[in-house]
């Protein structure tokens, strides 16, 4: 007679339970009408999950396992713009799109795998803490920004009002330093305009395309018209994009009657957005740079293709894809690329970017905005 150790009995029972569970899963897959390959994938996935829960050396949180699995699934796409949004990130994204959120009041640019502060808003926690334009953000709450997709960095900086965030800042000529900053309400007006001194030129800066950008742009546009504007400079530099809907609302005030953008999905289905404007009211010059992306490229591309605007600056980012944010089941969400957009002339600029009509880059030692100066020069010629 052979004696089986207690350990082997326990392992045998665990294996039997696992096999039984897998057979149950296979039966469920058959009921759901899944084919063999898909059934096997489900069995493999749930089998690994069950094994981890039963045998891993430390206790595990099943919720964390599922979050990690979903996150890994999305990252396997190799698409930096498709992101699994855990509960806190999903909440932050919704608040940012609405234009009100707990933040520190800085705008950021992404270039050469670096995250740099472009500007610090007056009267915000970022200004009070001493952050400056051109500061490089190295880490957020101790996590290097290299571990995040570019679009995730800002979502980790934002959060609940009254909570702290710690940024590790690299500034030229100094050692890296941590800044702990208390988040506050940041009410972001995405479109702000003014008349340029000593001219009949209007200037509107669009920081991003949020829920209210179309309405805000129209207000500024009409106000400048009442102040005697004869030509308009639109500044899309460092504009990461946003809502296509808001971009189209702005374009309807600038782009002549016809196509603004076509959104094409994988199956070839097409959603077209057209302008109803009979004729543009003013000559337009648009400023773009390497951080002008997504919806800002839609507007720039439409103005360039239709001849309604002249682009000045440097080549844009090249994010010619459209994302949808889908709520999941536990206050989390999925930001997923579902389509590419095409300019009125049929250009797909995803990964390519838009070349300006007039290239002007900043040189070391420049103390003035040479791009804006060139835009003024070109607009003056168009106004004559």
Protein backbone atom coordinates (compact mmCIF):
# COMPACT_ATOMS: atom_id res chain seq x y z
CA UNK A 1 0.00 0.00 0.00
CA UNK A 2 1.25 3.46 -0.90
CA UNK A 3 0.70 6.43 1.34
CA UNK A 4 -0.07 9.78 -0.22
CA UNK A 5 1.07 12.84 1.69
CA UNK A 6 -1.45 15.39 2.92
CA UNK A 7 0.23 18.00 0.70
CA UNK A 8 -0.36 15.88 -2.40
CA UNK A 9 -3.99 15.36 -1.44
CA UNK A 10 -4.50 19.13 -1.13
CA UNK A 11 -2.77 19.77 -4.45
CA UNK A 12 -4.84 17.05 -6.07
CA UNK A 13 -8.06 18.54 -4.77
CA UNK A 14 -7.00 21.98 -6.00
CA UNK A 15 -6.22 20.59 -9.44
CA UNK A 16 -9.56 18.78 -9.55
CA UNK A 17 -11.38 21.98 -8.60
CA UNK A 18 -9.49 23.87 -11.29
CA UNK A 19 -10.31 21.31 -13.98
CA UNK A 20 -13.94 21.31 -12.88
CA UNK A 21 -14.04 25.08 -13.12
CA UNK A 22 -12.48 25.03 -16.58
CA UNK A 23 -15.04 22.48 -17.78
CA UNK A 24 -17.80 24.71 -16.45
CA UNK A 25 -16.31 27.67 -18.29
CA UNK A 26 -16.12 25.68 -21.51
CA UNK A 27 -19.78 24.79 -21.13
CA UNK A 28 -20.66 28.45 -20.59
CA UNK A 29 -18.67 29.44 -23.67
CA UNK A 30 -20.63 26.88 -25.70
CA UNK A 31 -23.90 28.37 -24.48
CA UNK A 32 -22.66 31.84 -25.49
CA UNK A 33 -21.85 30.56 -28.97
CA UNK A 34 -18.10 31.28 -28.84
CA UNK A 35 -15.85 29.44 -31.28
CA UNK A 36 -13.03 27.15 -30.21
CA UNK A 37 -10.22 29.72 -30.29
CA UNK A 38 -12.18 32.31 -28.31
CA UNK A 39 -13.30 29.68 -25.82
CA UNK A 40 -9.70 28.62 -25.28
CA UNK A 41 -8.64 32.24 -24.72
CA UNK A 42 -11.33 32.70 -22.07
CA UNK A 43 -10.38 29.41 -20.41
CA UNK A 44 -6.68 30.36 -20.40
CA UNK A 45 -7.38 33.78 -18.94
CA UNK A 46 -9.74 32.64 -16.18
CA UNK A 47 -7.59 29.62 -15.48
CA UNK A 48 -4.56 31.82 -14.82
CA UNK A 49 -6.65 34.15 -12.66
CA UNK A 50 -7.95 31.22 -10.61
CA UNK A 51 -4.45 29.78 -10.23
CA UNK A 52 -3.06 33.11 -9.00
CA UNK A 53 -5.87 33.50 -6.49
CA UNK A 54 -5.41 29.95 -5.22
CA UNK A 55 -1.63 29.51 -5.24
CA UNK A 56 0.19 32.86 -5.30
CA UNK A 57 2.48 33.27 -2.29
CA UNK A 58 0.71 36.43 -1.07
CA UNK A 59 -2.95 37.39 -0.83
CA UNK A 60 -4.18 39.11 -3.96
CA UNK A 61 -7.02 41.49 -4.69
CA UNK A 62 -9.18 40.04 -7.49
CA UNK A 63 -10.23 43.58 -8.46
CA UNK A 64 -6.59 44.57 -8.97
CA UNK A 65 -6.01 41.46 -11.07
CA UNK A 66 -8.84 42.40 -13.41
CA UNK A 67 -7.69 46.02 -13.67
CA UNK A 68 -4.20 44.85 -14.53
CA UNK A 69 -5.52 42.42 -17.13
CA UNK A 70 -7.65 45.09 -18.83
CA UNK A 71 -4.76 47.56 -18.74
CA UNK A 72 -2.43 44.98 -20.31
CA UNK A 73 -4.99 44.20 -23.01
CA UNK A 74 -5.21 47.87 -24.01
CA UNK A 75 -1.43 48.38 -23.89
CA UNK A 76 -0.96 45.41 -26.22
CA UNK A 77 -2.49 47.59 -28.97
CA UNK A 78 0.70 49.65 -29.03
CA UNK A 79 -1.42 52.80 -29.31
CA UNK A 80 -0.42 55.63 -26.93
CA UNK A 81 -3.87 57.20 -27.29
CA UNK A 82 -5.85 54.11 -26.20
CA UNK A 83 -5.88 53.98 -22.41
CA UNK A 84 -7.66 52.00 -19.70
CA UNK A 85 -9.01 54.57 -17.24
CA UNK A 86 -9.20 53.37 -13.65
CA UNK A 87 -11.82 54.98 -11.43
CA UNK A 88 -9.72 58.00 -10.43
CA UNK A 89 -8.44 58.66 -13.96
CA UNK A 90 -11.91 58.32 -15.47
CA UNK A 91 -13.29 60.84 -13.00
CA UNK A 92 -10.44 63.25 -13.72
CA UNK A 93 -10.91 62.98 -17.48
CA UNK A 94 -14.63 63.77 -17.23
CA UNK A 95 -13.90 66.81 -15.06
CA UNK A 96 -11.21 68.05 -17.44
CA UNK A 97 -13.50 67.75 -20.47
CA UNK A 98 -16.14 69.77 -18.62
CA UNK A 99 -13.56 72.50 -17.99
CA UNK A 100 -13.54 72.36 -14.17
CA UNK A 101 -11.14 70.19 -12.19
CA UNK A 102 -8.77 70.04 -9.27
CA UNK A 103 -5.37 70.94 -10.67
CA UNK A 104 -2.33 73.16 -10.24
CA UNK A 105 -2.72 75.55 -13.19
CA UNK A 106 0.00 74.60 -15.68
CA UNK A 107 -0.07 73.69 -19.36
CA UNK A 108 2.38 71.08 -20.61
CA UNK A 109 4.09 70.10 -23.82
CA UNK A 110 5.53 66.73 -24.86
CA UNK A 111 8.68 66.50 -26.97
CA UNK A 112 11.61 64.06 -27.20
CA UNK A 113 10.09 61.91 -24.41
CA UNK A 114 10.15 64.89 -22.05
CA UNK A 115 7.26 66.61 -20.30
CA UNK A 116 7.84 70.35 -20.10
CA UNK A 117 5.78 73.12 -18.52
CA UNK A 118 4.77 75.53 -21.27
CA UNK A 119 3.02 78.12 -19.12
CA UNK A 120 1.84 78.70 -15.56
CA UNK A 121 -1.55 80.36 -15.08
CA UNK A 122 -1.66 83.42 -12.85
CA UNK A 123 -3.16 83.03 -9.40
CA UNK A 124 -2.93 79.24 -9.40
CA UNK A 125 -1.24 76.78 -7.00
CA UNK A 126 1.47 76.16 -9.60
CA UNK A 127 2.43 79.83 -9.63
CA UNK A 128 2.36 80.02 -5.83
CA UNK A 129 4.67 76.99 -5.60
CA UNK A 130 7.22 78.63 -7.89
CA UNK A 131 6.85 76.52 -11.03
CA UNK A 132 8.13 78.19 -14.20
CA UNK A 133 7.82 77.81 -17.95
CA UNK A 134 10.44 75.39 -19.38
CA UNK A 135 10.61 73.37 -16.14
CA UNK A 136 10.83 69.66 -16.95
CA UNK A 137 8.52 67.34 -14.99
CA UNK A 138 10.55 64.23 -14.14
CA UNK A 139 8.11 62.40 -11.86
CA UNK A 140 4.60 62.66 -10.41
CA UNK A 141 4.19 61.42 -6.83
CA UNK A 142 7.47 59.55 -7.18
CA UNK A 143 6.56 57.73 -10.40
CA UNK A 144 8.79 58.66 -13.38
CA UNK A 145 6.77 60.18 -16.21
CA UNK A 146 8.49 57.73 -18.57
CA UNK A 147 6.19 55.05 -17.14
CA UNK A 148 3.11 56.90 -18.40
CA UNK A 149 1.68 57.54 -21.82
CA UNK A 150 1.94 61.29 -22.60
CA UNK A 151 -1.80 61.78 -22.13
CA UNK A 152 -1.73 60.07 -18.73
CA UNK A 153 0.69 62.54 -17.13
CA UNK A 154 -1.81 65.39 -16.84
CA UNK A 155 -4.48 63.04 -15.48
CA UNK A 156 -2.16 61.98 -12.66
CA UNK A 157 -1.36 65.61 -11.83
CA UNK A 158 -5.06 66.45 -11.57
CA UNK A 159 -7.20 65.09 -8.77
CA UNK A 160 -9.60 65.94 -5.98
CA UNK A 161 -9.61 69.53 -4.80
CA UNK A 162 -7.60 69.98 -1.60
CA UNK A 163 -5.35 66.95 -2.13
CA UNK A 164 -1.59 67.17 -2.67
CA UNK A 165 0.50 66.19 -5.66
CA UNK A 166 4.29 66.08 -5.64
CA UNK A 167 6.17 66.94 -8.83
CA UNK A 168 9.87 66.28 -9.28
CA UNK A 169 11.13 69.24 -11.32
CA UNK A 170 14.33 69.52 -13.35
CA UNK A 171 15.40 73.10 -14.01
CA UNK A 172 18.45 74.17 -15.99
CA UNK A 173 21.44 74.81 -13.74
CA UNK A 174 19.92 73.28 -10.60
CA UNK A 175 19.45 69.86 -9.04
CA UNK A 176 16.12 68.06 -9.31
CA UNK A 177 13.70 69.27 -6.65
CA UNK A 178 10.34 68.08 -5.32
CA UNK A 179 7.41 70.51 -5.21
CA UNK A 180 4.39 69.46 -3.17
CA UNK A 181 1.36 71.41 -4.36
CA UNK A 182 -2.24 71.44 -3.14
CA UNK A 183 -4.77 71.02 -5.94
CA UNK A 184 -7.44 73.66 -6.31
CA UNK A 185 -10.37 74.42 -8.59
CA UNK A 186 -9.10 75.46 -12.01
CA UNK A 187 -11.79 77.01 -14.17
CA UNK A 188 -10.21 76.91 -17.60
CA UNK A 189 -11.39 79.31 -20.28
CA UNK A 190 -10.03 77.66 -23.39
CA UNK A 191 -10.39 80.59 -25.81
CA UNK A 192 -9.16 84.10 -25.01
CA UNK A 193 -8.78 87.00 -27.42
CA UNK A 194 -7.40 90.51 -27.68
CA UNK A 195 -6.59 93.17 -30.24
CA UNK A 196 -2.87 93.35 -31.01
CA UNK A 197 -1.52 96.74 -30.05
CA UNK A 198 -1.18 99.29 -32.82
CA UNK A 199 -3.06 97.21 -35.39
CA UNK A 200 -6.44 96.07 -36.63
CA UNK A 201 -5.45 92.47 -35.98
CA UNK A 202 -7.32 90.25 -33.58
CA UNK A 203 -5.59 87.42 -31.73
CA UNK A 204 -7.35 84.40 -30.20
CA UNK A 205 -5.47 81.76 -28.26
CA UNK A 206 -7.20 78.35 -28.07
CA UNK A 207 -5.59 76.29 -25.29
CA UNK A 208 -7.63 73.14 -25.93
CA UNK A 209 -11.01 72.09 -27.30
CA UNK A 210 -13.24 71.52 -24.30
CA UNK A 211 -17.00 71.39 -23.90
CA UNK A 212 -17.42 75.18 -24.06
CA UNK A 213 -14.69 76.12 -26.55
CA UNK A 214 -17.04 76.76 -29.47
CA UNK A 215 -19.15 79.18 -27.45
CA UNK A 216 -16.08 80.88 -25.95
CA UNK A 217 -14.44 81.31 -29.35
CA UNK A 218 -17.60 82.81 -30.82
CA UNK A 219 -17.80 85.32 -27.96
CA UNK A 220 -14.18 86.42 -28.50
CA UNK A 221 -14.58 86.44 -32.28
CA UNK A 222 -17.64 88.70 -32.16
CA UNK A 223 -16.13 90.98 -29.51
CA UNK A 224 -12.99 91.54 -31.60
CA UNK A 225 -15.16 92.26 -34.62
CA UNK A 226 -16.90 95.00 -32.64
CA UNK A 227 -13.49 96.41 -31.71
CA UNK A 228 -12.53 96.88 -35.36
CA UNK A 229 -10.77 93.63 -36.23
CA UNK A 230 -9.86 93.32 -39.92
CA UNK A 231 -7.77 90.14 -39.72
CA UNK A 232 -7.32 87.29 -37.22
CA UNK A 233 -4.40 85.30 -35.82
CA UNK A 234 -5.41 82.01 -34.17
CA UNK A 235 -2.81 80.51 -31.84
CA UNK A 236 -3.00 76.70 -31.68
CA UNK A 237 0.52 76.17 -30.34
CA UNK A 238 0.74 73.71 -27.45
CA UNK A 239 -2.93 72.81 -28.04
CA UNK A 240 -3.29 69.04 -27.43
CA UNK A 241 -6.75 68.86 -29.01
CA UNK A 242 -9.97 67.72 -27.39
CA UNK A 243 -13.54 67.43 -28.60
CA UNK A 244 -14.14 67.20 -32.35
CA UNK A 245 -17.58 68.73 -31.80
CA UNK A 246 -16.08 71.93 -30.39
CA UNK A 247 -13.48 72.08 -33.15
CA UNK A 248 -16.24 71.89 -35.78
CA UNK A 249 -18.14 74.70 -34.03
CA UNK A 250 -15.05 76.93 -34.32
CA UNK A 251 -14.43 75.88 -37.93
CA UNK A 252 -17.99 76.88 -38.86
CA UNK A 253 -17.00 80.51 -38.20
CA UNK A 254 -13.86 80.31 -40.36
CA UNK A 255 -13.98 77.61 -43.05
CA UNK A 256 -15.95 78.28 -46.26
CA UNK A 257 -18.95 76.13 -47.15
CA UNK A 258 -17.92 72.52 -47.67
CA UNK A 259 -16.01 69.78 -45.82
CA UNK A 260 -14.26 70.44 -42.52
CA UNK A 261 -13.24 66.89 -41.62
CA UNK A 262 -14.19 63.30 -42.42
CA UNK A 263 -14.01 60.68 -39.67
CA UNK A 264 -13.45 57.19 -41.12
CA UNK A 265 -13.80 54.00 -39.07
CA UNK A 266 -12.20 50.60 -39.64
CA UNK A 267 -15.10 49.27 -41.70
CA UNK A 268 -14.93 52.28 -44.02
CA UNK A 269 -18.02 53.99 -42.64
CA UNK A 270 -17.65 57.74 -42.77
CA UNK A 271 -18.96 60.62 -40.71
CA UNK A 272 -18.59 63.98 -42.45
CA UNK A 273 -18.64 67.40 -40.83
CA UNK A 274 -19.34 70.31 -43.17
CA UNK A 275 -19.28 74.07 -42.84
CA UNK A 276 -22.31 76.14 -43.79
CA UNK A 277 -20.37 79.43 -43.92
CA UNK A 278 -20.98 81.19 -47.23
CA UNK A 279 -17.78 83.23 -47.10
CA UNK A 280 -15.08 83.84 -44.45
CA UNK A 281 -15.33 87.29 -42.90
CA UNK A 282 -11.63 87.89 -42.19
CA UNK A 283 -8.23 86.77 -43.47
CA UNK A 284 -6.72 84.28 -41.02
CA UNK A 285 -3.22 83.19 -40.02
CA UNK A 286 -2.80 80.15 -37.74
CA UNK A 287 0.14 79.42 -35.44
CA UNK A 288 1.03 75.73 -34.96
CA UNK A 289 3.92 73.77 -33.46
CA UNK A 290 4.97 70.24 -32.58
CA UNK A 291 2.45 70.07 -29.75
CA UNK A 292 -0.55 71.12 -31.85
CA UNK A 293 -2.45 67.84 -32.00
CA UNK A 294 -5.75 66.14 -32.75
CA UNK A 295 -8.62 68.64 -32.89
CA UNK A 296 -6.20 71.54 -33.35
CA UNK A 297 -4.85 69.75 -36.43
CA UNK A 298 -8.40 69.28 -37.73
CA UNK A 299 -8.93 73.04 -37.62
CA UNK A 300 -5.49 73.85 -39.04
CA UNK A 301 -5.85 71.27 -41.82
CA UNK A 302 -9.29 72.54 -42.84
CA UNK A 303 -8.10 76.15 -42.98
CA UNK A 304 -5.02 75.16 -44.99
CA UNK A 305 -6.82 72.88 -47.47
CA UNK A 306 -9.57 75.40 -48.19
CA UNK A 307 -7.20 78.35 -48.47
CA UNK A 308 -9.03 80.12 -45.64
CA UNK A 309 -5.91 80.36 -43.48
CA UNK A 310 -2.12 80.44 -43.71
CA UNK A 311 -0.23 78.21 -41.27
CA UNK A 312 2.92 79.57 -39.59
CA UNK A 313 5.29 77.81 -37.21
CA UNK A 314 6.59 74.24 -37.17
CA UNK A 315 5.16 70.85 -38.15
CA UNK A 316 2.27 69.71 -35.97
CA UNK A 317 2.21 66.60 -33.77
CA UNK A 318 0.48 64.20 -36.16
CA UNK A 319 -2.38 62.77 -34.09
CA UNK A 320 -4.90 62.09 -36.81
CA UNK A 321 -6.99 59.62 -34.85
CA UNK A 322 -10.26 59.90 -32.99
CA UNK A 323 -10.89 58.44 -29.55
CA UNK A 324 -14.12 57.63 -27.79
CA UNK A 325 -14.40 57.36 -24.01
CA UNK A 326 -16.63 54.45 -23.01
CA UNK A 327 -17.84 53.92 -19.43
CA UNK A 328 -17.29 50.37 -18.18
CA UNK A 329 -18.88 48.72 -15.16
CA UNK A 330 -17.35 50.08 -11.96
CA UNK A 331 -16.89 53.82 -12.54
CA UNK A 332 -13.94 53.08 -14.79
CA UNK A 333 -13.68 53.68 -18.51
CA UNK A 334 -11.89 52.94 -21.74
CA UNK A 335 -10.41 55.56 -24.05
CA UNK A 336 -10.16 53.80 -27.41
CA UNK A 337 -9.06 54.85 -30.87
CA UNK A 338 -11.98 54.09 -33.20
CA UNK A 339 -11.29 56.13 -36.33
CA UNK A 340 -8.91 58.32 -38.31
CA UNK A 341 -9.77 61.72 -39.60
CA UNK A 342 -9.12 63.17 -43.04
CA UNK A 343 -8.78 66.81 -44.04
CA UNK A 344 -10.97 68.31 -46.81
CA UNK A 345 -8.35 67.31 -49.42
CA UNK A 346 -8.30 63.72 -48.15
CA UNK A 347 -5.07 63.89 -46.15
CA UNK A 348 -4.62 61.49 -43.25
CA UNK A 349 -2.01 63.09 -41.02
CA UNK A 350 -1.83 60.41 -38.32
CA UNK A 351 1.85 59.96 -37.51
CA UNK A 352 2.80 62.52 -40.17
CA UNK A 353 1.64 65.93 -38.99
CA UNK A 354 0.83 69.09 -40.92
CA UNK A 355 3.60 71.14 -42.49
CA UNK A 356 3.05 74.89 -42.08
CA UNK A 357 2.88 77.11 -45.15
CA UNK A 358 5.66 79.22 -43.62
CA UNK A 359 8.16 77.48 -41.32
CA UNK A 360 9.44 79.58 -38.43
CA UNK A 361 11.24 78.00 -35.48
CA UNK A 362 12.65 79.52 -32.36
CA UNK A 363 16.42 79.94 -32.28
CA UNK A 364 18.54 79.87 -29.15
CA UNK A 365 18.67 83.34 -27.71
CA UNK A 366 15.36 84.53 -29.15
CA UNK A 367 13.80 86.96 -26.70
CA UNK A 368 10.70 87.73 -28.75
CA UNK A 369 7.97 85.56 -30.25
CA UNK A 370 9.37 85.28 -33.77
CA UNK A 371 6.48 83.07 -34.89
CA UNK A 372 3.90 85.62 -33.84
CA UNK A 373 5.95 88.37 -35.49
CA UNK A 374 5.95 86.45 -38.80
CA UNK A 375 2.21 85.79 -38.46
CA UNK A 376 1.61 89.53 -38.05
CA UNK A 377 3.73 90.27 -41.10
CA UNK A 378 1.81 87.78 -43.25
CA UNK A 379 -1.58 88.89 -41.97
CA UNK A 380 -0.74 92.52 -42.71
CA UNK A 381 -0.08 91.56 -46.33
CA UNK A 382 -3.37 89.62 -46.52
CA UNK A 383 -5.29 92.60 -45.12
CA UNK A 384 -4.06 95.02 -47.80
